């Protein structure tokens, strides 16, 4: 049976994900913690699969016109998937996330970092663009290694908190690829990178029995149609204002979670 409040939360998050590529974890996990009182480990576990499935639905629409930069996605996977597998192994081995008393604090901290990253992304992109133009060969030579390191950081954070694949991922890609990442390409590449990362990260929680299947189905009932609508609008609307508003909402949610 579909739970209407969870479906409504899924619809809101799905629309934002489709439009901006951001929010699968950074928005949904705080909603589950703050408004529904879901235990932190269940929120993280269920949200990882929510994000993976929702973004899988959105990817074909964003992939049109070769918008996904597969080279950048592969470079991120080099770091993010091994880091995620390491976290998954800890969960599956019984270093139980459910026993980590500070998990809510970790989620709140990750959401706050994501909010700051969204607000700072234009500044970071401008600084990176200046460095890219001033010394192009040196900048390009460092991109593969730095992208792998960025992926590893994302993999660890996402697997622990379900937050960051979109909000932090887009910020890092803007900083590392300031010239080649158009808004549409940025969103598409971020979504493509996040899908296997969320699936790998979610597998350990699934094995540990922490995923709430009924809640997940209710959330997907709202997110699947909403993410399609958001994805169709993504190429027609400027999402800059939405990113700013989302960053402020995330900052407030982070403070509330931490308090």
C-alpha atoms as a PDB file:
ATOM      1  CA  UNK A   1       0.000   0.000   0.000  1.00  0.00           C
ATOM      2  CA  UNK A   2       1.316   3.442  -0.987  1.00  0.00           C
ATOM      3  CA  UNK A   3       1.823   5.899   1.878  1.00  0.00           C
ATOM      4  CA  UNK A   4       0.774   9.338   0.567  1.00  0.00           C
ATOM      5  CA  UNK A   5       3.166  11.476   2.694  1.00  0.00           C
ATOM      6  CA  UNK A   6       6.169   9.427   1.581  1.00  0.00           C
ATOM      7  CA  UNK A   7       4.965   9.632  -2.022  1.00  0.00           C
ATOM      8  CA  UNK A   8       4.666  13.419  -1.736  1.00  0.00           C
ATOM      9  CA  UNK A   9       8.193  13.665  -0.353  1.00  0.00           C
ATOM     10  CA  UNK A  10       9.390  11.433  -3.190  1.00  0.00           C
ATOM     11  CA  UNK A  11       7.646  13.623  -5.761  1.00  0.00           C
ATOM     12  CA  UNK A  12       9.254  16.792  -4.422  1.00  0.00           C
ATOM     13  CA  UNK A  13      12.699  15.240  -4.345  1.00  0.00           C
ATOM     14  CA  UNK A  14      12.285  13.551  -7.717  1.00  0.00           C
ATOM     15  CA  UNK A  15      11.334  16.819  -9.398  1.00  0.00           C
ATOM     16  CA  UNK A  16      14.387  18.575  -7.937  1.00  0.00           C
ATOM     17  CA  UNK A  17      16.651  15.689  -8.971  1.00  0.00           C
ATOM     18  CA  UNK A  18      15.316  15.740 -12.515  1.00  0.00           C
ATOM     19  CA  UNK A  19      15.741  19.487 -12.827  1.00  0.00           C
ATOM     20  CA  UNK A  20      19.143  19.919 -11.145  1.00  0.00           C
ATOM     21  CA  UNK A  21      20.685  16.481 -10.552  1.00  0.00           C
ATOM     22  CA  UNK A  22      20.810  17.359  -6.842  1.00  0.00           C
ATOM     23  CA  UNK A  23      18.703  16.225  -3.911  1.00  0.00           C
ATOM     24  CA  UNK A  24      18.508  12.441  -4.010  1.00  0.00           C
ATOM     25  CA  UNK A  25      20.331  12.230  -0.699  1.00  0.00           C
ATOM     26  CA  UNK A  26      20.902  15.803   0.419  1.00  0.00           C
ATOM     27  CA  UNK A  27      17.180  16.580   0.372  1.00  0.00           C
ATOM     28  CA  UNK A  28      15.465  13.244   0.987  1.00  0.00           C
ATOM     29  CA  UNK A  29      17.534  12.022   3.931  1.00  0.00           C
ATOM     30  CA  UNK A  30      16.894  15.160   6.042  1.00  0.00           C
ATOM     31  CA  UNK A  31      13.182  14.938   5.137  1.00  0.00           C
ATOM     32  CA  UNK A  32      13.072  11.351   6.408  1.00  0.00           C
ATOM     33  CA  UNK A  33      14.944  12.268   9.580  1.00  0.00           C
ATOM     34  CA  UNK A  34      13.179  15.520  10.429  1.00  0.00           C
ATOM     35  CA  UNK A  35       9.610  15.108   9.210  1.00  0.00           C
ATOM     36  CA  UNK A  36       9.054  11.362   9.442  1.00  0.00           C
ATOM     37  CA  UNK A  37      11.314  10.472  12.355  1.00  0.00           C
ATOM     38  CA  UNK A  38      12.891   7.572  10.457  1.00  0.00           C
ATOM     39  CA  UNK A  39      15.944   6.079  12.222  1.00  0.00           C
ATOM     40  CA  UNK A  40      19.146   7.390  10.690  1.00  0.00           C
ATOM     41  CA  UNK A  41      20.437   4.033   9.436  1.00  0.00           C
ATOM     42  CA  UNK A  42      17.099   3.187   7.784  1.00  0.00           C
ATOM     43  CA  UNK A  43      16.919   6.639   6.181  1.00  0.00           C
ATOM     44  CA  UNK A  44      20.407   6.295   4.707  1.00  0.00           C
ATOM     45  CA  UNK A  45      19.862   2.724   3.536  1.00  0.00           C
ATOM     46  CA  UNK A  46      16.487   3.357   1.897  1.00  0.00           C
ATOM     47  CA  UNK A  47      17.508   6.680   0.384  1.00  0.00           C
ATOM     48  CA  UNK A  48      20.495   5.164  -1.424  1.00  0.00           C
ATOM     49  CA  UNK A  49      18.155   2.842  -3.357  1.00  0.00           C
ATOM     50  CA  UNK A  50      15.637   5.637  -3.811  1.00  0.00           C
ATOM     51  CA  UNK A  51      18.326   7.807  -5.413  1.00  0.00           C
ATOM     52  CA  UNK A  52      19.676   4.980  -7.570  1.00  0.00           C
ATOM     53  CA  UNK A  53      16.274   4.030  -9.014  1.00  0.00           C
ATOM     54  CA  UNK A  54      15.025   7.605  -9.419  1.00  0.00           C
ATOM     55  CA  UNK A  55      18.180   8.667 -11.267  1.00  0.00           C
ATOM     56  CA  UNK A  56      18.068   5.555 -13.451  1.00  0.00           C
ATOM     57  CA  UNK A  57      14.629   6.665 -14.635  1.00  0.00           C
ATOM     58  CA  UNK A  58      15.935  10.181 -15.323  1.00  0.00           C
ATOM     59  CA  UNK A  59      19.155   9.208 -17.139  1.00  0.00           C
ATOM     60  CA  UNK A  60      17.734   8.408 -20.622  1.00  0.00           C
ATOM     61  CA  UNK A  61      16.217  11.889 -20.876  1.00  0.00           C
ATOM     62  CA  UNK A  62      19.431  13.582 -19.756  1.00  0.00           C
ATOM     63  CA  UNK A  63      21.582  11.383 -21.965  1.00  0.00           C
ATOM     64  CA  UNK A  64      20.012  12.701 -25.168  1.00  0.00           C
ATOM     65  CA  UNK A  65      22.456  14.587 -27.378  1.00  0.00           C
ATOM     66  CA  UNK A  66      25.473  12.885 -25.777  1.00  0.00           C
ATOM     67  CA  UNK A  67      25.253  15.098 -22.713  1.00  0.00           C
ATOM     68  CA  UNK A  68      26.912  12.569 -20.397  1.00  0.00           C
ATOM     69  CA  UNK A  69      30.679  13.072 -20.237  1.00  0.00           C
ATOM     70  CA  UNK A  70      31.628   9.431 -19.822  1.00  0.00           C
ATOM     71  CA  UNK A  71      35.341  10.185 -19.441  1.00  0.00           C
ATOM     72  CA  UNK A  72      34.668  12.290 -16.350  1.00  0.00           C
ATOM     73  CA  UNK A  73      32.217   9.693 -14.995  1.00  0.00           C
ATOM     74  CA  UNK A  74      34.798   6.915 -15.411  1.00  0.00           C
ATOM     75  CA  UNK A  75      37.469   8.969 -13.669  1.00  0.00           C
ATOM     76  CA  UNK A  76      35.115   9.531 -10.732  1.00  0.00           C
ATOM     77  CA  UNK A  77      34.204   5.829 -10.587  1.00  0.00           C
ATOM     78  CA  UNK A  78      37.914   4.926 -10.288  1.00  0.00           C
ATOM     79  CA  UNK A  79      37.851   6.515  -6.851  1.00  0.00           C
ATOM     80  CA  UNK A  80      34.201   6.386  -5.778  1.00  0.00           C
ATOM     81  CA  UNK A  81      33.372   2.731  -6.362  1.00  0.00           C
ATOM     82  CA  UNK A  82      36.364   1.242  -4.458  1.00  0.00           C
ATOM     83  CA  UNK A  83      35.729   3.653  -1.582  1.00  0.00           C
ATOM     84  CA  UNK A  84      32.066   2.695  -1.573  1.00  0.00           C
ATOM     85  CA  UNK A  85      32.905  -1.015  -1.660  1.00  0.00           C
ATOM     86  CA  UNK A  86      35.148  -0.519   1.368  1.00  0.00           C
ATOM     87  CA  UNK A  87      32.305   1.131   3.294  1.00  0.00           C
ATOM     88  CA  UNK A  88      29.852  -1.547   2.123  1.00  0.00           C
ATOM     89  CA  UNK A  89      32.213  -4.269   3.349  1.00  0.00           C
ATOM     90  CA  UNK A  90      32.234  -2.715   6.813  1.00  0.00           C
ATOM     91  CA  UNK A  91      28.441  -2.589   6.885  1.00  0.00           C
ATOM     92  CA  UNK A  92      28.037  -6.154   5.607  1.00  0.00           C
ATOM     93  CA  UNK A  93      30.685  -7.409   8.046  1.00  0.00           C
ATOM     94  CA  UNK A  94      28.679  -6.077  10.955  1.00  0.00           C
ATOM     95  CA  UNK A  95      30.574  -2.887  11.778  1.00  0.00           C
ATOM     96  CA  UNK A  96      26.967  -1.927  11.985  1.00  0.00           C
ATOM     97  CA  UNK A  97      25.949   1.482  10.873  1.00  0.00           C
ATOM     98  CA  UNK A  98      23.001   0.911  13.142  1.00  0.00           C
ATOM     99  CA  UNK A  99      25.349   1.063  16.129  1.00  0.00           C
ATOM    100  CA  UNK A 100      26.982   4.322  15.072  1.00  0.00           C
ATOM    101  CA  UNK A 101      25.448   6.802  17.491  1.00  0.00           C
ATOM    102  CA  UNK A 102      26.809   9.773  15.548  1.00  0.00           C
ATOM    103  CA  UNK A 103      25.223   8.843  12.213  1.00  0.00           C
ATOM    104  CA  UNK A 104      22.653  11.649  12.395  1.00  0.00           C
ATOM    105  CA  UNK A 105      25.477  14.089  13.070  1.00  0.00           C
ATOM    106  CA  UNK A 106      27.373  12.722  10.079  1.00  0.00           C
ATOM    107  CA  UNK A 107      24.310  13.178   7.864  1.00  0.00           C
ATOM    108  CA  UNK A 108      23.772  16.732   9.104  1.00  0.00           C
ATOM    109  CA  UNK A 109      27.417  17.604   8.540  1.00  0.00           C
ATOM    110  CA  UNK A 110      27.373  16.173   5.020  1.00  0.00           C
ATOM    111  CA  UNK A 111      24.211  18.121   4.168  1.00  0.00           C
ATOM    112  CA  UNK A 112      25.788  21.332   5.479  1.00  0.00           C
ATOM    113  CA  UNK A 113      28.908  20.749   3.364  1.00  0.00           C
ATOM    114  CA  UNK A 114      26.674  20.071   0.363  1.00  0.00           C
ATOM    115  CA  UNK A 115      24.814  23.353   0.934  1.00  0.00           C
ATOM    116  CA  UNK A 116      28.046  25.319   1.187  1.00  0.00           C
ATOM    117  CA  UNK A 117      29.305  23.578  -1.942  1.00  0.00           C
ATOM    118  CA  UNK A 118      26.212  24.592  -3.900  1.00  0.00           C
ATOM    119  CA  UNK A 119      26.521  28.216  -2.793  1.00  0.00           C
ATOM    120  CA  UNK A 120      30.264  28.319  -3.479  1.00  0.00           C
ATOM    121  CA  UNK A 121      30.193  26.516  -6.830  1.00  0.00           C
ATOM    122  CA  UNK A 122      30.114  29.687  -8.995  1.00  0.00           C
ATOM    123  CA  UNK A 123      33.160  31.077  -7.159  1.00  0.00           C
ATOM    124  CA  UNK A 124      35.017  27.765  -7.376  1.00  0.00           C
ATOM    125  CA  UNK A 125      34.242  27.483 -11.075  1.00  0.00           C
ATOM    126  CA  UNK A 126      35.497  31.012 -11.749  1.00  0.00           C
ATOM    127  CA  UNK A 127      38.755  30.390  -9.858  1.00  0.00           C
ATOM    128  CA  UNK A 128      39.238  27.053 -11.602  1.00  0.00           C
ATOM    129  CA  UNK A 129      38.562  28.623 -15.003  1.00  0.00           C
ATOM    130  CA  UNK A 130      41.241  31.240 -14.342  1.00  0.00           C
ATOM    131  CA  UNK A 131      43.750  28.552 -13.379  1.00  0.00           C
ATOM    132  CA  UNK A 132      42.747  26.415 -16.366  1.00  0.00           C
ATOM    133  CA  UNK A 133      43.373  29.270 -18.805  1.00  0.00           C
ATOM    134  CA  UNK A 134      46.564  30.500 -17.102  1.00  0.00           C
ATOM    135  CA  UNK A 135      48.330  27.104 -17.136  1.00  0.00           C
ATOM    136  CA  UNK A 136      46.280  24.706 -19.295  1.00  0.00           C
ATOM    137  CA  UNK A 137      48.795  21.866 -19.634  1.00  0.00           C
ATOM    138  CA  UNK A 138      49.522  21.614 -15.921  1.00  0.00           C
ATOM    139  CA  UNK A 139      45.824  21.826 -15.049  1.00  0.00           C
ATOM    140  CA  UNK A 140      44.879  19.086 -17.518  1.00  0.00           C
ATOM    141  CA  UNK A 141      47.692  16.808 -16.389  1.00  0.00           C
ATOM    142  CA  UNK A 142      46.355  16.852 -12.839  1.00  0.00           C
ATOM    143  CA  UNK A 143      42.704  16.305 -13.735  1.00  0.00           C
ATOM    144  CA  UNK A 144      42.664  12.460 -13.804  1.00  0.00           C
ATOM    145  CA  UNK A 145      44.317  12.060 -10.384  1.00  0.00           C
ATOM    146  CA  UNK A 146      42.319  14.834  -8.739  1.00  0.00           C
ATOM    147  CA  UNK A 147      39.093  13.445 -10.197  1.00  0.00           C
ATOM    148  CA  UNK A 148      39.867   9.999  -8.786  1.00  0.00           C
ATOM    149  CA  UNK A 149      40.602  11.494  -5.361  1.00  0.00           C
ATOM    150  CA  UNK A 150      37.381  13.513  -5.519  1.00  0.00           C
ATOM    151  CA  UNK A 151      35.523  10.322  -6.428  1.00  0.00           C
ATOM    152  CA  UNK A 152      36.992   8.490  -3.435  1.00  0.00           C
ATOM    153  CA  UNK A 153      35.841  11.251  -1.086  1.00  0.00           C
ATOM    154  CA  UNK A 154      32.371  11.143  -2.645  1.00  0.00           C
ATOM    155  CA  UNK A 155      32.223   7.352  -2.432  1.00  0.00           C
ATOM    156  CA  UNK A 156      32.993   7.320   1.278  1.00  0.00           C
ATOM    157  CA  UNK A 157      30.611  10.151   2.153  1.00  0.00           C
ATOM    158  CA  UNK A 158      27.723   8.885   0.024  1.00  0.00           C
ATOM    159  CA  UNK A 159      27.988   5.322   1.308  1.00  0.00           C
ATOM    160  CA  UNK A 160      27.983   6.479   4.926  1.00  0.00           C
ATOM    161  CA  UNK A 161      25.347   9.226   4.745  1.00  0.00           C
ATOM    162  CA  UNK A 162      23.606   8.882   1.312  1.00  0.00           C
ATOM    163  CA  UNK A 163      24.427  12.591   0.844  1.00  0.00           C
ATOM    164  CA  UNK A 164      26.745  14.205  -1.669  1.00  0.00           C
ATOM    165  CA  UNK A 165      26.573  12.372  -5.004  1.00  0.00           C
ATOM    166  CA  UNK A 166      24.692  15.303  -6.519  1.00  0.00           C
ATOM    167  CA  UNK A 167      25.378  18.379  -4.399  1.00  0.00           C
ATOM    168  CA  UNK A 168      29.061  17.703  -3.750  1.00  0.00           C
ATOM    169  CA  UNK A 169      29.601  15.904  -7.052  1.00  0.00           C
ATOM    170  CA  UNK A 170      28.458  18.825  -9.178  1.00  0.00           C
ATOM    171  CA  UNK A 171      30.582  21.249  -7.151  1.00  0.00           C
ATOM    172  CA  UNK A 172      33.698  19.117  -7.599  1.00  0.00           C
ATOM    173  CA  UNK A 173      33.089  18.642 -11.321  1.00  0.00           C
ATOM    174  CA  UNK A 174      32.677  22.384 -11.803  1.00  0.00           C
ATOM    175  CA  UNK A 175      35.986  22.969 -10.024  1.00  0.00           C
ATOM    176  CA  UNK A 176      37.853  20.263 -11.948  1.00  0.00           C
ATOM    177  CA  UNK A 177      36.282  20.813 -15.390  1.00  0.00           C
ATOM    178  CA  UNK A 178      35.372  24.519 -15.523  1.00  0.00           C
ATOM    179  CA  UNK A 179      35.379  24.815 -19.324  1.00  0.00           C
ATOM    180  CA  UNK A 180      33.762  21.608 -20.558  1.00  0.00           C
ATOM    181  CA  UNK A 181      30.893  21.326 -18.083  1.00  0.00           C
ATOM    182  CA  UNK A 182      27.822  23.106 -19.432  1.00  0.00           C
ATOM    183  CA  UNK A 183      24.796  23.034 -17.077  1.00  0.00           C
ATOM    184  CA  UNK A 184      23.085  20.239 -19.046  1.00  0.00           C
ATOM    185  CA  UNK A 185      26.265  18.176 -19.302  1.00  0.00           C
ATOM    186  CA  UNK A 186      26.977  18.689 -15.609  1.00  0.00           C
ATOM    187  CA  UNK A 187      23.544  17.406 -14.563  1.00  0.00           C
ATOM    188  CA  UNK A 188      23.671  14.426 -16.952  1.00  0.00           C
ATOM    189  CA  UNK A 189      27.189  13.385 -15.921  1.00  0.00           C
ATOM    190  CA  UNK A 190      26.381  13.735 -12.243  1.00  0.00           C
ATOM    191  CA  UNK A 191      23.300  11.519 -12.598  1.00  0.00           C
ATOM    192  CA  UNK A 192      25.244   8.882 -14.570  1.00  0.00           C
ATOM    193  CA  UNK A 193      28.007   8.780 -11.962  1.00  0.00           C
ATOM    194  CA  UNK A 194      25.593   8.608  -9.023  1.00  0.00           C
ATOM    195  CA  UNK A 195      23.613   5.544 -10.150  1.00  0.00           C
ATOM    196  CA  UNK A 196      26.226   2.770  -9.682  1.00  0.00           C
ATOM    197  CA  UNK A 197      27.664   4.571  -6.671  1.00  0.00           C
ATOM    198  CA  UNK A 198      24.290   4.548  -4.898  1.00  0.00           C
ATOM    199  CA  UNK A 199      23.688   0.918  -5.878  1.00  0.00           C
ATOM    200  CA  UNK A 200      27.062  -0.214  -4.548  1.00  0.00           C
ATOM    201  CA  UNK A 201      26.640   1.854  -1.395  1.00  0.00           C
ATOM    202  CA  UNK A 202      23.104   0.571  -0.876  1.00  0.00           C
ATOM    203  CA  UNK A 203      24.003  -3.085  -1.309  1.00  0.00           C
ATOM    204  CA  UNK A 204      25.681  -3.352   2.081  1.00  0.00           C
ATOM    205  CA  UNK A 205      22.658  -1.895   3.820  1.00  0.00           C
ATOM    206  CA  UNK A 206      20.388  -4.232   1.863  1.00  0.00           C
ATOM    207  CA  UNK A 207      22.426  -7.231   2.995  1.00  0.00           C
ATOM    208  CA  UNK A 208      22.249  -5.913   6.558  1.00  0.00           C
ATOM    209  CA  UNK A 209      18.435  -5.745   6.290  1.00  0.00           C
ATOM    210  CA  UNK A 210      18.248  -1.988   6.831  1.00  0.00           C
ATOM    211  CA  UNK A 211      16.263  -1.026   3.696  1.00  0.00           C
ATOM    212  CA  UNK A 212      12.560  -0.319   4.309  1.00  0.00           C
ATOM    213  CA  UNK A 213      10.931  -1.749   1.176  1.00  0.00           C
ATOM    214  CA  UNK A 214       7.434  -0.386   1.814  1.00  0.00           C
ATOM    215  CA  UNK A 215       8.730   3.131   2.410  1.00  0.00           C
ATOM    216  CA  UNK A 216      10.911   2.869  -0.686  1.00  0.00           C
ATOM    217  CA  UNK A 217       7.979   1.881  -2.906  1.00  0.00           C
ATOM    218  CA  UNK A 218       5.893   4.793  -1.601  1.00  0.00           C
ATOM    219  CA  UNK A 219       8.726   7.249  -2.263  1.00  0.00           C
ATOM    220  CA  UNK A 220       9.252   5.882  -5.779  1.00  0.00           C
ATOM    221  CA  UNK A 221       5.543   6.151  -6.544  1.00  0.00           C
ATOM    222  CA  UNK A 222       5.972   9.900  -6.240  1.00  0.00           C
ATOM    223  CA  UNK A 223       9.489  10.327  -7.579  1.00  0.00           C
ATOM    224  CA  UNK A 224       9.275   8.377 -10.858  1.00  0.00           C
ATOM    225  CA  UNK A 225       6.703  10.612 -12.581  1.00  0.00           C
ATOM    226  CA  UNK A 226       8.117  13.750 -10.946  1.00  0.00           C
ATOM    227  CA  UNK A 227      11.705  13.079 -12.034  1.00  0.00           C
ATOM    228  CA  UNK A 228      10.511  12.658 -15.629  1.00  0.00           C
ATOM    229  CA  UNK A 229       8.791  16.045 -15.485  1.00  0.00           C
ATOM    230  CA  UNK A 230      11.861  17.688 -13.959  1.00  0.00           C
ATOM    231  CA  UNK A 231      14.138  16.053 -16.529  1.00  0.00           C
ATOM    232  CA  UNK A 232      12.009  17.318 -19.414  1.00  0.00           C
ATOM    233  CA  UNK A 233      12.176  20.850 -18.011  1.00  0.00           C
ATOM    234  CA  UNK A 234      15.910  20.718 -17.268  1.00  0.00           C
ATOM    235  CA  UNK A 235      16.990  21.741 -20.770  1.00  0.00           C
ATOM    236  CA  UNK A 236      14.472  24.575 -20.944  1.00  0.00           C
ATOM    237  CA  UNK A 237      14.822  26.318 -17.606  1.00  0.00           C
ATOM    238  CA  UNK A 238      17.743  27.896 -15.810  1.00  0.00           C
ATOM    239  CA  UNK A 239      18.242  26.042 -12.554  1.00  0.00           C
ATOM    240  CA  UNK A 240      20.586  28.605 -10.980  1.00  0.00           C
ATOM    241  CA  UNK A 241      17.870  30.124  -8.779  1.00  0.00           C
ATOM    242  CA  UNK A 242      16.672  26.687  -7.709  1.00  0.00           C
ATOM    243  CA  UNK A 243      20.188  25.674  -6.696  1.00  0.00           C
ATOM    244  CA  UNK A 244      20.456  28.767  -4.504  1.00  0.00           C
ATOM    245  CA  UNK A 245      17.092  28.120  -2.872  1.00  0.00           C
ATOM    246  CA  UNK A 246      17.957  24.450  -2.436  1.00  0.00           C
ATOM    247  CA  UNK A 247      21.265  25.353  -0.800  1.00  0.00           C
ATOM    248  CA  UNK A 248      19.463  27.523   1.757  1.00  0.00           C
ATOM    249  CA  UNK A 249      16.926  24.776   2.477  1.00  0.00           C
ATOM    250  CA  UNK A 250      19.723  22.247   2.909  1.00  0.00           C
ATOM    251  CA  UNK A 251      21.599  24.569   5.258  1.00  0.00           C
ATOM    252  CA  UNK A 252      18.506  24.951   7.448  1.00  0.00           C
ATOM    253  CA  UNK A 253      17.898  21.196   7.381  1.00  0.00           C
ATOM    254  CA  UNK A 254      21.523  20.550   8.295  1.00  0.00           C
ATOM    255  CA  UNK A 255      21.373  22.915  11.270  1.00  0.00           C
ATOM    256  CA  UNK A 256      18.124  21.328  12.447  1.00  0.00           C
ATOM    257  CA  UNK A 257      19.594  17.828  12.091  1.00  0.00           C
ATOM    258  CA  UNK A 258      22.758  18.766  13.966  1.00  0.00           C
ATOM    259  CA  UNK A 259      20.834  20.473  16.764  1.00  0.00           C
END
